[in-house]
Amino acid sequence: MWSGGPIEFDRVVPPSGNLMVCRRQSWVGTHRARMVAQIWADCDLIHVLIAGSRIKTVRSVDSPARQHRLHPVPRYVVRAARW
């Protein structure tokens, strides 16, 4: 069962370069299309990493209840947060 801490999952960058994560849209660039972005999110921040490098950090607008609905999501690879 999810304990209410940060979550981490992978998402493939679409051809448009726009990622929609936790109700926030982040543009990471069309040159990163089809790359796997690692997303780390808690109730305060969302970090987007590609190939181990942090690309973008934005404020989260999610509450713990909303994050609970994100975890577990079968189509994502979910891991324990390492931050």
Protein backbone atom coordinates (compact mmCIF):
# COMPACT_ATOMS: atom_id res chain seq x y z
CA MET A 1 0.00 0.00 0.00
CA TRP A 2 1.20 3.50 -0.84
CA SER A 3 2.41 5.39 2.24
CA GLY A 4 1.91 8.94 1.00
CA GLY A 5 5.53 9.69 0.03
CA PRO A 6 6.92 10.69 -3.37
CA ILE A 7 6.24 8.54 -6.41
CA GLU A 8 8.45 7.78 -9.38
CA PHE A 9 7.40 6.45 -12.78
CA ASP A 10 8.45 6.43 -16.42
CA ARG A 11 6.69 8.08 -19.34
CA VAL A 12 7.65 8.11 -23.03
CA VAL A 13 7.98 11.63 -24.46
CA PRO A 14 5.38 12.06 -27.25
CA PRO A 15 6.33 13.47 -30.69
CA SER A 16 5.04 16.91 -29.65
CA GLY A 17 7.59 17.11 -26.81
CA ASN A 18 4.82 17.98 -24.31
CA LEU A 19 4.50 15.79 -21.23
CA MET A 20 1.33 15.89 -19.18
CA VAL A 21 2.24 14.85 -15.64
CA CYS A 22 0.09 15.25 -12.53
CA ARG A 23 -2.19 17.79 -14.24
CA ARG A 24 0.85 19.87 -15.33
CA GLN A 25 2.06 20.19 -18.90
CA SER A 26 5.82 20.39 -19.38
CA TRP A 27 7.52 20.97 -22.69
CA VAL A 28 10.77 19.00 -22.90
CA GLY A 29 11.37 19.47 -26.62
CA THR A 30 10.65 17.61 -29.83
CA HIS A 31 14.28 16.48 -29.98
CA ARG A 32 13.51 14.28 -26.94
CA ALA A 33 10.53 12.54 -28.62
CA ARG A 34 10.36 8.78 -27.95
CA MET A 35 12.87 9.05 -25.08
CA VAL A 36 11.89 7.66 -21.70
CA ALA A 37 11.41 10.39 -19.12
CA GLN A 38 11.63 9.45 -15.47
CA ILE A 39 9.13 11.40 -13.38
CA TRP A 40 9.58 12.00 -9.65
CA ALA A 41 6.61 13.70 -7.99
CA ASP A 42 5.44 14.62 -4.52
CA CYS A 43 2.93 17.19 -3.28
CA ASP A 44 5.40 20.06 -3.76
CA LEU A 45 7.58 19.37 -6.81
CA ILE A 46 7.68 17.38 -10.04
CA HIS A 47 11.12 16.52 -11.47
CA VAL A 48 11.55 15.31 -15.06
CA LEU A 49 14.74 13.35 -15.76
CA ILE A 50 16.02 11.91 -19.02
CA ALA A 51 19.04 9.59 -19.10
CA GLY A 52 19.69 10.42 -15.44
CA SER A 53 19.86 14.20 -15.98
CA ARG A 54 17.24 16.49 -14.52
CA ILE A 55 15.60 18.35 -17.39
CA LYS A 56 12.90 20.29 -15.61
CA THR A 57 11.45 20.93 -12.17
CA VAL A 58 7.99 22.44 -11.71
CA ARG A 59 5.67 23.01 -8.78
CA SER A 60 3.11 20.28 -8.18
CA VAL A 61 -0.56 21.13 -7.80
CA ASP A 62 -1.50 17.72 -6.44
CA SER A 63 -2.71 16.81 -3.00
CA PRO A 64 -1.87 13.53 -1.25
CA ALA A 65 -5.34 12.24 -2.19
CA ARG A 66 -4.69 12.94 -5.88
CA GLN A 67 -1.28 11.26 -5.78
CA HIS A 68 -2.88 8.24 -4.17
CA ARG A 69 -4.98 7.84 -7.33
CA LEU A 70 -1.79 7.87 -9.45
CA HIS A 71 -0.29 4.91 -7.60
CA PRO A 72 -0.30 2.18 -8.74
CA VAL A 73 -1.08 2.77 -12.39
CA PRO A 74 -0.56 -0.46 -14.38
CA ARG A 75 0.84 1.15 -17.54
CA TYR A 76 3.67 2.90 -15.69
CA VAL A 77 6.76 1.39 -14.21
CA VAL A 78 6.65 2.45 -10.56
CA ARG A 79 9.72 2.37 -8.31
CA ALA A 80 10.64 3.59 -4.87
CA ALA A 81 11.76 7.22 -4.95
CA ARG A 82 15.51 7.75 -4.68
CA TRP A 83 15.56 11.45 -3.79
